[in-house]
């Protein structure tokens, strides 16, 4: 079972993915995380998101990011045909769709909310525990936090 998280240039509709991480829930050796160099037409940048949320600068993306093609290739190799779980599908899925559409392609995996893995009575408790646990707000740190929180409430 795969958990995924995406960091973006901001929260508005013009935002785009800048970091992706995924990890297998039960095999900690299976994971990946990378920054993404923005497409030339992806120009929107939210300074608040940089300073108060993810801490990633545009310059860092240019220095350390992989190309969109490499990002998509890495996701394809690891996740094609998988069901991936996100703690916020309404944001993560559109950002990844934008990444794939830049190459004229569709997502090769299915998205589901991580909350769907929990009994309804535990879903609210999951959110409270997740939100109260401090973490660096980066994609891989968030994926690992999602897995820890999920395993606390649904260990199987």
N, C-alpha and C. Protein backbone atom coordinates (compact mmCIF):
# COMPACT_ATOMS: atom_id res chain seq x y z
N UNK A 1 0.83 -1.18 0.00
CA UNK A 1 0.00 0.00 0.00
C UNK A 1 0.87 1.24 0.00
N UNK A 2 0.61 2.16 -0.91
CA UNK A 2 1.44 3.35 -1.14
C UNK A 2 0.74 4.60 -0.60
N UNK A 3 1.50 5.42 0.12
CA UNK A 3 1.03 6.73 0.57
C UNK A 3 1.85 7.78 -0.18
N UNK A 4 1.18 8.82 -0.66
CA UNK A 4 1.84 9.86 -1.46
C UNK A 4 1.52 11.23 -0.90
N UNK A 5 2.43 12.18 -1.10
CA UNK A 5 2.18 13.57 -0.72
C UNK A 5 2.86 14.47 -1.73
N UNK A 6 2.27 15.63 -1.95
CA UNK A 6 2.78 16.60 -2.91
C UNK A 6 2.87 17.96 -2.23
N UNK A 7 3.98 18.63 -2.41
CA UNK A 7 4.11 20.04 -2.03
C UNK A 7 3.98 20.85 -3.31
N UNK A 8 3.43 22.06 -3.19
CA UNK A 8 3.16 22.85 -4.38
C UNK A 8 3.63 24.29 -4.21
N UNK A 9 3.63 25.00 -5.33
CA UNK A 9 4.08 26.39 -5.36
C UNK A 9 3.15 27.32 -4.59
N UNK A 10 1.99 26.85 -4.28
CA UNK A 10 0.99 27.62 -3.54
C UNK A 10 -0.27 26.79 -3.44
N UNK A 11 -1.35 27.42 -3.02
CA UNK A 11 -2.59 26.68 -2.82
C UNK A 11 -3.67 27.03 -3.84
N UNK A 12 -3.43 27.98 -4.70
CA UNK A 12 -4.44 28.38 -5.68
C UNK A 12 -4.47 27.49 -6.90
N UNK A 13 -5.44 27.70 -7.78
CA UNK A 13 -5.58 26.85 -8.97
C UNK A 13 -4.42 26.97 -9.95
N UNK A 14 -3.67 28.06 -9.89
CA UNK A 14 -2.53 28.24 -10.78
C UNK A 14 -1.25 27.60 -10.22
N UNK A 15 -1.35 27.01 -9.03
CA UNK A 15 -0.17 26.37 -8.42
C UNK A 15 0.16 25.07 -9.15
N UNK A 16 1.35 24.55 -8.87
CA UNK A 16 1.85 23.36 -9.54
C UNK A 16 2.74 22.59 -8.56
N UNK A 17 2.99 21.32 -8.86
CA UNK A 17 3.78 20.50 -7.93
C UNK A 17 5.26 20.88 -7.96
N UNK A 18 5.85 20.94 -6.77
CA UNK A 18 7.28 21.22 -6.68
C UNK A 18 8.05 20.11 -5.96
N UNK A 19 7.33 19.25 -5.24
CA UNK A 19 7.97 18.13 -4.54
C UNK A 19 6.97 16.99 -4.42
N UNK A 20 7.44 15.79 -4.67
CA UNK A 20 6.61 14.59 -4.54
C UNK A 20 7.37 13.57 -3.72
N UNK A 21 6.65 12.90 -2.83
CA UNK A 21 7.23 11.77 -2.09
C UNK A 21 6.16 10.70 -1.97
N UNK A 22 6.61 9.47 -1.96
CA UNK A 22 5.71 8.34 -1.71
C UNK A 22 6.49 7.31 -0.91
N UNK A 23 5.76 6.47 -0.20
CA UNK A 23 6.38 5.38 0.56
C UNK A 23 5.38 4.24 0.68
N UNK A 24 5.92 3.04 0.76
CA UNK A 24 5.09 1.87 0.99
C UNK A 24 4.79 1.80 2.48
N UNK A 25 3.55 1.58 2.82
CA UNK A 25 3.14 1.59 4.23
C UNK A 25 3.85 0.52 5.05
N UNK A 26 4.08 -0.65 4.49
CA UNK A 26 4.61 -1.76 5.28
C UNK A 26 6.05 -2.13 4.93
N UNK A 27 6.66 -1.42 3.98
CA UNK A 27 8.05 -1.70 3.61
C UNK A 27 8.82 -0.39 3.57
N UNK A 28 9.46 -0.01 4.68
CA UNK A 28 10.12 1.29 4.75
C UNK A 28 11.29 1.46 3.78
N UNK A 29 11.72 0.38 3.14
CA UNK A 29 12.80 0.50 2.15
C UNK A 29 12.28 0.94 0.79
N UNK A 30 10.97 0.94 0.61
CA UNK A 30 10.37 1.35 -0.67
C UNK A 30 9.80 2.75 -0.55
N UNK A 31 10.53 3.73 -1.08
CA UNK A 31 10.07 5.12 -1.06
C UNK A 31 10.86 5.92 -2.09
N UNK A 32 10.37 7.10 -2.38
CA UNK A 32 11.10 8.03 -3.22
C UNK A 32 10.65 9.44 -2.86
N UNK A 33 11.51 10.40 -3.10
CA UNK A 33 11.21 11.79 -2.83
C UNK A 33 12.08 12.64 -3.74
N UNK A 34 11.49 13.65 -4.35
CA UNK A 34 12.27 14.50 -5.25
C UNK A 34 11.60 15.85 -5.43
N UNK A 35 12.43 16.85 -5.68
CA UNK A 35 11.98 18.18 -6.07
C UNK A 35 11.80 18.19 -7.58
N UNK A 36 10.97 19.09 -8.08
CA UNK A 36 10.67 19.16 -9.51
C UNK A 36 10.96 20.56 -10.04
N UNK A 37 11.75 20.63 -11.11
CA UNK A 37 11.96 21.91 -11.79
C UNK A 37 10.67 22.29 -12.50
N UNK A 38 10.16 23.49 -12.26
CA UNK A 38 8.90 23.89 -12.89
C UNK A 38 9.03 24.01 -14.42
N UNK A 39 7.93 23.73 -15.10
CA UNK A 39 7.86 24.01 -16.53
C UNK A 39 8.00 25.51 -16.72
N UNK A 40 8.49 25.94 -17.87
CA UNK A 40 8.70 27.37 -18.10
C UNK A 40 7.42 28.18 -17.95
N UNK A 41 6.29 27.60 -18.31
CA UNK A 41 5.03 28.35 -18.19
C UNK A 41 4.43 28.31 -16.80
N UNK A 42 5.03 27.54 -15.89
CA UNK A 42 4.58 27.50 -14.49
C UNK A 42 5.30 28.62 -13.75
N UNK A 43 4.67 29.75 -13.64
CA UNK A 43 5.34 30.92 -13.07
C UNK A 43 4.78 31.35 -11.72
N UNK A 44 3.58 30.89 -11.37
CA UNK A 44 2.98 31.31 -10.11
C UNK A 44 3.86 30.87 -8.93
N UNK A 45 4.07 31.80 -8.00
CA UNK A 45 4.84 31.47 -6.80
C UNK A 45 4.23 32.19 -5.61
N UNK A 46 3.93 31.43 -4.56
CA UNK A 46 3.36 31.99 -3.35
C UNK A 46 4.47 32.13 -2.31
N UNK A 47 4.89 33.36 -2.07
CA UNK A 47 5.97 33.61 -1.12
C UNK A 47 5.61 33.13 0.28
N UNK A 48 4.33 33.21 0.63
CA UNK A 48 3.91 32.73 1.95
C UNK A 48 4.12 31.22 2.07
N UNK A 49 3.76 30.47 1.02
CA UNK A 49 3.96 29.02 1.05
C UNK A 49 5.44 28.69 1.22
N UNK A 50 6.30 29.44 0.54
CA UNK A 50 7.74 29.21 0.68
C UNK A 50 8.22 29.51 2.10
N UNK A 51 7.80 30.63 2.64
CA UNK A 51 8.34 31.04 3.94
C UNK A 51 7.68 30.34 5.12
N UNK A 52 6.40 30.01 5.02
CA UNK A 52 5.67 29.50 6.19
C UNK A 52 5.22 28.05 6.08
N UNK A 53 5.30 27.45 4.89
CA UNK A 53 4.81 26.08 4.76
C UNK A 53 5.95 25.12 4.42
N UNK A 54 6.40 25.11 3.19
CA UNK A 54 7.37 24.09 2.77
C UNK A 54 8.83 24.53 2.84
N UNK A 55 9.11 25.81 2.77
CA UNK A 55 10.49 26.29 2.88
C UNK A 55 11.35 26.01 1.66
N UNK A 56 10.74 25.71 0.54
CA UNK A 56 11.48 25.41 -0.69
C UNK A 56 11.47 26.65 -1.57
N UNK A 57 12.63 27.07 -2.04
CA UNK A 57 12.71 28.25 -2.91
C UNK A 57 12.73 27.84 -4.38
N UNK A 58 12.38 28.78 -5.24
CA UNK A 58 12.46 28.54 -6.69
C UNK A 58 13.90 28.22 -7.09
N UNK A 59 14.84 28.90 -6.46
CA UNK A 59 16.26 28.65 -6.76
C UNK A 59 16.64 27.21 -6.40
N UNK A 60 16.14 26.73 -5.28
CA UNK A 60 16.42 25.35 -4.87
C UNK A 60 15.85 24.36 -5.89
N UNK A 61 14.66 24.66 -6.40
CA UNK A 61 14.07 23.78 -7.42
C UNK A 61 14.95 23.73 -8.67
N UNK A 62 15.48 24.87 -9.06
CA UNK A 62 16.35 24.90 -10.24
C UNK A 62 17.65 24.13 -10.01
N UNK A 63 18.20 24.25 -8.80
CA UNK A 63 19.46 23.56 -8.48
C UNK A 63 19.29 22.06 -8.27
N UNK A 64 18.25 21.68 -7.51
CA UNK A 64 18.13 20.31 -7.03
C UNK A 64 16.99 19.52 -7.65
N UNK A 65 16.11 20.19 -8.38
CA UNK A 65 14.94 19.52 -8.92
C UNK A 65 15.25 18.66 -10.13
N UNK A 66 14.41 17.65 -10.33
CA UNK A 66 14.50 16.82 -11.53
C UNK A 66 13.55 17.40 -12.57
N UNK A 67 13.76 17.03 -13.81
CA UNK A 67 12.86 17.49 -14.87
C UNK A 67 11.48 16.86 -14.70
N UNK A 68 10.50 17.45 -15.33
CA UNK A 68 9.16 16.88 -15.30
C UNK A 68 9.17 15.47 -15.87
N UNK A 69 9.91 15.26 -16.96
CA UNK A 69 9.99 13.92 -17.57
C UNK A 69 10.57 12.90 -16.59
N UNK A 70 11.63 13.28 -15.88
CA UNK A 70 12.22 12.35 -14.91
C UNK A 70 11.26 12.09 -13.76
N UNK A 71 10.57 13.12 -13.29
CA UNK A 71 9.61 12.95 -12.20
C UNK A 71 8.52 11.95 -12.61
N UNK A 72 7.97 12.13 -13.79
CA UNK A 72 6.91 11.24 -14.28
C UNK A 72 7.46 9.83 -14.47
N UNK A 73 8.66 9.70 -15.03
CA UNK A 73 9.26 8.37 -15.20
C UNK A 73 9.42 7.66 -13.86
N UNK A 74 9.90 8.37 -12.86
CA UNK A 74 10.10 7.76 -11.54
C UNK A 74 8.77 7.31 -10.94
N UNK A 75 7.75 8.13 -11.09
CA UNK A 75 6.43 7.75 -10.58
C UNK A 75 5.87 6.57 -11.37
N UNK A 76 6.04 6.59 -12.69
CA UNK A 76 5.55 5.49 -13.53
C UNK A 76 6.18 4.16 -13.12
N UNK A 77 7.49 4.14 -12.98
CA UNK A 77 8.19 2.89 -12.64
C UNK A 77 7.70 2.33 -11.31
N UNK A 78 7.51 3.20 -10.35
CA UNK A 78 7.16 2.74 -9.00
C UNK A 78 5.67 2.52 -8.79
N UNK A 79 4.81 3.29 -9.46
CA UNK A 79 3.41 3.34 -9.05
C UNK A 79 2.39 2.92 -10.11
N UNK A 80 2.81 2.62 -11.32
CA UNK A 80 1.84 2.24 -12.35
C UNK A 80 1.01 1.05 -11.87
N UNK A 81 -0.31 1.20 -11.98
CA UNK A 81 -1.24 0.15 -11.60
C UNK A 81 -1.54 0.08 -10.11
N UNK A 82 -0.89 0.90 -9.31
CA UNK A 82 -1.10 0.90 -7.86
C UNK A 82 -2.31 1.76 -7.50
N UNK A 83 -2.81 1.53 -6.30
CA UNK A 83 -3.74 2.45 -5.66
C UNK A 83 -2.87 3.23 -4.68
N UNK A 84 -2.89 4.55 -4.79
CA UNK A 84 -2.11 5.37 -3.88
C UNK A 84 -3.06 6.14 -2.98
N UNK A 85 -2.62 6.33 -1.75
CA UNK A 85 -3.44 6.99 -0.74
C UNK A 85 -2.82 8.32 -0.36
N UNK A 86 -3.66 9.32 -0.27
CA UNK A 86 -3.25 10.67 0.08
C UNK A 86 -4.12 11.17 1.22
N UNK A 87 -3.55 12.01 2.07
CA UNK A 87 -4.37 12.58 3.13
C UNK A 87 -5.20 13.76 2.63
N UNK A 88 -4.91 14.24 1.41
CA UNK A 88 -5.71 15.32 0.84
C UNK A 88 -5.78 15.19 -0.67
N UNK A 89 -6.58 14.25 -1.12
CA UNK A 89 -6.76 13.96 -2.55
C UNK A 89 -7.18 15.20 -3.34
N UNK A 90 -8.09 16.08 -2.81
CA UNK A 90 -8.51 17.24 -3.61
C UNK A 90 -7.37 18.17 -4.02
N UNK A 91 -6.24 18.13 -3.35
CA UNK A 91 -5.09 18.94 -3.76
C UNK A 91 -4.04 18.09 -4.45
N UNK A 92 -3.66 16.97 -3.85
CA UNK A 92 -2.57 16.16 -4.39
C UNK A 92 -2.86 15.63 -5.78
N UNK A 93 -4.08 15.13 -6.00
CA UNK A 93 -4.40 14.57 -7.32
C UNK A 93 -4.31 15.63 -8.42
N UNK A 94 -4.94 16.81 -8.29
CA UNK A 94 -4.83 17.81 -9.37
C UNK A 94 -3.39 18.24 -9.64
N UNK A 95 -2.56 18.32 -8.61
CA UNK A 95 -1.17 18.70 -8.86
C UNK A 95 -0.45 17.63 -9.67
N UNK A 96 -0.72 16.36 -9.37
CA UNK A 96 -0.09 15.29 -10.15
C UNK A 96 -0.68 15.19 -11.55
N UNK A 97 -1.97 15.45 -11.68
CA UNK A 97 -2.57 15.50 -13.02
C UNK A 97 -1.88 16.60 -13.84
N UNK A 98 -1.63 17.75 -13.23
CA UNK A 98 -0.95 18.85 -13.92
C UNK A 98 0.45 18.41 -14.36
N UNK A 99 1.15 17.69 -13.50
CA UNK A 99 2.49 17.19 -13.83
C UNK A 99 2.43 16.27 -15.06
N UNK A 100 1.54 15.31 -15.04
CA UNK A 100 1.41 14.36 -16.15
C UNK A 100 0.90 15.04 -17.43
N UNK A 101 -0.04 15.96 -17.29
CA UNK A 101 -0.60 16.63 -18.48
C UNK A 101 0.46 17.47 -19.18
N UNK A 102 1.46 17.92 -18.43
CA UNK A 102 2.55 18.68 -19.05
C UNK A 102 3.22 17.83 -20.13
N UNK A 103 3.16 16.51 -19.98
CA UNK A 103 3.73 15.58 -20.97
C UNK A 103 2.64 14.94 -21.83
N UNK A 104 1.39 15.42 -21.70
CA UNK A 104 0.29 14.89 -22.47
C UNK A 104 -0.13 13.49 -22.05
N UNK A 105 0.05 13.18 -20.78
CA UNK A 105 -0.24 11.84 -20.29
C UNK A 105 -1.24 11.87 -19.14
N UNK A 106 -1.81 10.69 -18.86
CA UNK A 106 -2.74 10.52 -17.76
C UNK A 106 -2.05 9.81 -16.60
N UNK A 107 -2.59 10.01 -15.40
CA UNK A 107 -2.05 9.30 -14.23
C UNK A 107 -2.19 7.79 -14.42
N UNK A 108 -1.13 7.03 -14.13
CA UNK A 108 -1.21 5.57 -14.28
C UNK A 108 -1.57 4.86 -12.98
N UNK A 109 -2.07 5.61 -12.02
CA UNK A 109 -2.45 5.02 -10.73
C UNK A 109 -3.72 5.67 -10.24
N UNK A 110 -4.36 4.99 -9.32
CA UNK A 110 -5.63 5.46 -8.76
C UNK A 110 -5.38 6.15 -7.42
N UNK A 111 -6.14 7.19 -7.16
CA UNK A 111 -6.05 7.92 -5.89
C UNK A 111 -7.21 7.56 -4.99
N UNK A 112 -6.92 7.40 -3.70
CA UNK A 112 -7.96 7.24 -2.69
C UNK A 112 -7.53 8.00 -1.44
N UNK A 113 -8.50 8.46 -0.66
CA UNK A 113 -8.15 9.14 0.59
C UNK A 113 -7.68 8.14 1.64
N UNK A 114 -6.64 8.49 2.36
CA UNK A 114 -6.12 7.62 3.41
C UNK A 114 -7.20 7.37 4.46
N UNK A 115 -8.09 8.33 4.64
CA UNK A 115 -9.16 8.17 5.62
C UNK A 115 -10.09 7.01 5.28
N UNK A 116 -10.12 6.60 4.01
CA UNK A 116 -10.97 5.47 3.61
C UNK A 116 -10.48 4.15 4.18
N UNK A 117 -9.27 4.14 4.70
CA UNK A 117 -8.71 2.94 5.32
C UNK A 117 -9.10 2.79 6.78
N UNK A 118 -9.75 3.82 7.31
CA UNK A 118 -10.11 3.84 8.73
C UNK A 118 -11.60 3.60 8.93
N UNK A 119 -11.95 2.97 10.04
CA UNK A 119 -13.38 2.92 10.38
C UNK A 119 -13.87 4.36 10.60
N UNK A 120 -15.11 4.66 10.22
CA UNK A 120 -15.62 6.05 10.34
C UNK A 120 -15.41 6.67 11.71
N UNK A 121 -15.55 5.90 12.76
CA UNK A 121 -15.39 6.44 14.12
C UNK A 121 -13.96 6.90 14.39
N UNK A 122 -13.00 6.36 13.67
CA UNK A 122 -11.60 6.73 13.90
C UNK A 122 -11.09 7.83 12.97
N UNK A 123 -11.86 8.18 11.97
CA UNK A 123 -11.43 9.18 10.99
C UNK A 123 -11.18 10.54 11.64
N UNK A 124 -12.08 10.98 12.49
CA UNK A 124 -11.90 12.27 13.17
C UNK A 124 -10.71 12.21 14.12
N UNK A 125 -10.54 11.08 14.81
CA UNK A 125 -9.40 10.94 15.72
C UNK A 125 -8.08 10.96 14.93
N UNK A 126 -8.09 10.39 13.74
CA UNK A 126 -6.90 10.42 12.88
C UNK A 126 -6.50 11.87 12.61
N UNK A 127 -7.47 12.69 12.21
CA UNK A 127 -7.18 14.08 11.89
C UNK A 127 -6.64 14.85 13.09
N UNK A 128 -7.23 14.64 14.24
CA UNK A 128 -6.77 15.33 15.45
C UNK A 128 -5.33 14.93 15.76
N UNK A 129 -5.04 13.63 15.74
CA UNK A 129 -3.68 13.17 16.05
C UNK A 129 -2.68 13.68 15.00
N UNK A 130 -3.06 13.59 13.73
CA UNK A 130 -2.16 14.04 12.66
C UNK A 130 -1.85 15.52 12.82
N UNK A 131 -2.88 16.33 13.02
CA UNK A 131 -2.69 17.78 13.12
C UNK A 131 -1.93 18.19 14.38
N UNK A 132 -1.97 17.37 15.42
CA UNK A 132 -1.30 17.75 16.67
C UNK A 132 0.14 17.23 16.75
N UNK A 133 0.57 16.47 15.76
CA UNK A 133 1.93 15.94 15.76
C UNK A 133 2.81 16.85 14.92
N UNK A 134 3.80 17.51 15.54
CA UNK A 134 4.64 18.42 14.76
C UNK A 134 5.53 17.66 13.78
N UNK A 135 5.76 18.30 12.64
CA UNK A 135 6.66 17.73 11.63
C UNK A 135 7.11 18.84 10.70
N UNK A 136 8.24 18.61 10.06
CA UNK A 136 8.68 19.48 8.98
C UNK A 136 7.68 19.29 7.84
N UNK A 137 7.18 20.36 7.28
CA UNK A 137 6.16 20.24 6.23
C UNK A 137 6.84 20.07 4.87
N UNK A 138 7.38 18.88 4.68
CA UNK A 138 7.96 18.48 3.40
C UNK A 138 7.32 17.16 3.01
N UNK A 139 7.35 16.84 1.73
CA UNK A 139 6.59 15.70 1.23
C UNK A 139 6.94 14.38 1.91
N UNK A 140 8.23 14.03 2.02
CA UNK A 140 8.58 12.75 2.62
C UNK A 140 8.28 12.72 4.11
N UNK A 141 8.54 13.82 4.80
CA UNK A 141 8.20 13.89 6.23
C UNK A 141 6.69 13.72 6.42
N UNK A 142 5.90 14.34 5.55
CA UNK A 142 4.45 14.20 5.64
C UNK A 142 4.00 12.78 5.35
N UNK A 143 4.58 12.13 4.34
CA UNK A 143 4.23 10.74 4.03
C UNK A 143 4.51 9.85 5.23
N UNK A 144 5.66 10.02 5.84
CA UNK A 144 6.01 9.18 6.99
C UNK A 144 5.09 9.47 8.18
N UNK A 145 4.70 10.71 8.35
CA UNK A 145 3.77 11.07 9.42
C UNK A 145 2.38 10.47 9.15
N UNK A 146 1.94 10.50 7.90
CA UNK A 146 0.66 9.88 7.53
C UNK A 146 0.69 8.39 7.87
N UNK A 147 1.76 7.72 7.50
CA UNK A 147 1.89 6.28 7.76
C UNK A 147 1.89 6.00 9.25
N UNK A 148 2.66 6.77 10.03
CA UNK A 148 2.68 6.56 11.49
C UNK A 148 1.29 6.75 12.10
N UNK A 149 0.61 7.80 11.67
CA UNK A 149 -0.72 8.08 12.21
C UNK A 149 -1.72 7.01 11.78
N UNK A 150 -1.65 6.62 10.54
CA UNK A 150 -2.54 5.56 10.04
C UNK A 150 -2.29 4.26 10.78
N UNK A 151 -1.04 3.90 10.97
CA UNK A 151 -0.72 2.65 11.67
C UNK A 151 -1.14 2.67 13.14
N UNK A 152 -1.21 3.86 13.73
CA UNK A 152 -1.67 3.96 15.11
C UNK A 152 -3.15 3.56 15.21
N UNK A 153 -3.94 3.97 14.22
CA UNK A 153 -5.38 3.71 14.27
C UNK A 153 -5.81 2.45 13.53
N UNK A 154 -5.03 2.03 12.56
CA UNK A 154 -5.38 0.85 11.76
C UNK A 154 -4.10 0.08 11.47
N UNK A 155 -3.57 -0.66 12.46
CA UNK A 155 -2.26 -1.28 12.32
C UNK A 155 -2.14 -2.33 11.21
N UNK A 156 -3.25 -2.85 10.70
CA UNK A 156 -3.15 -3.89 9.66
C UNK A 156 -3.06 -3.31 8.29
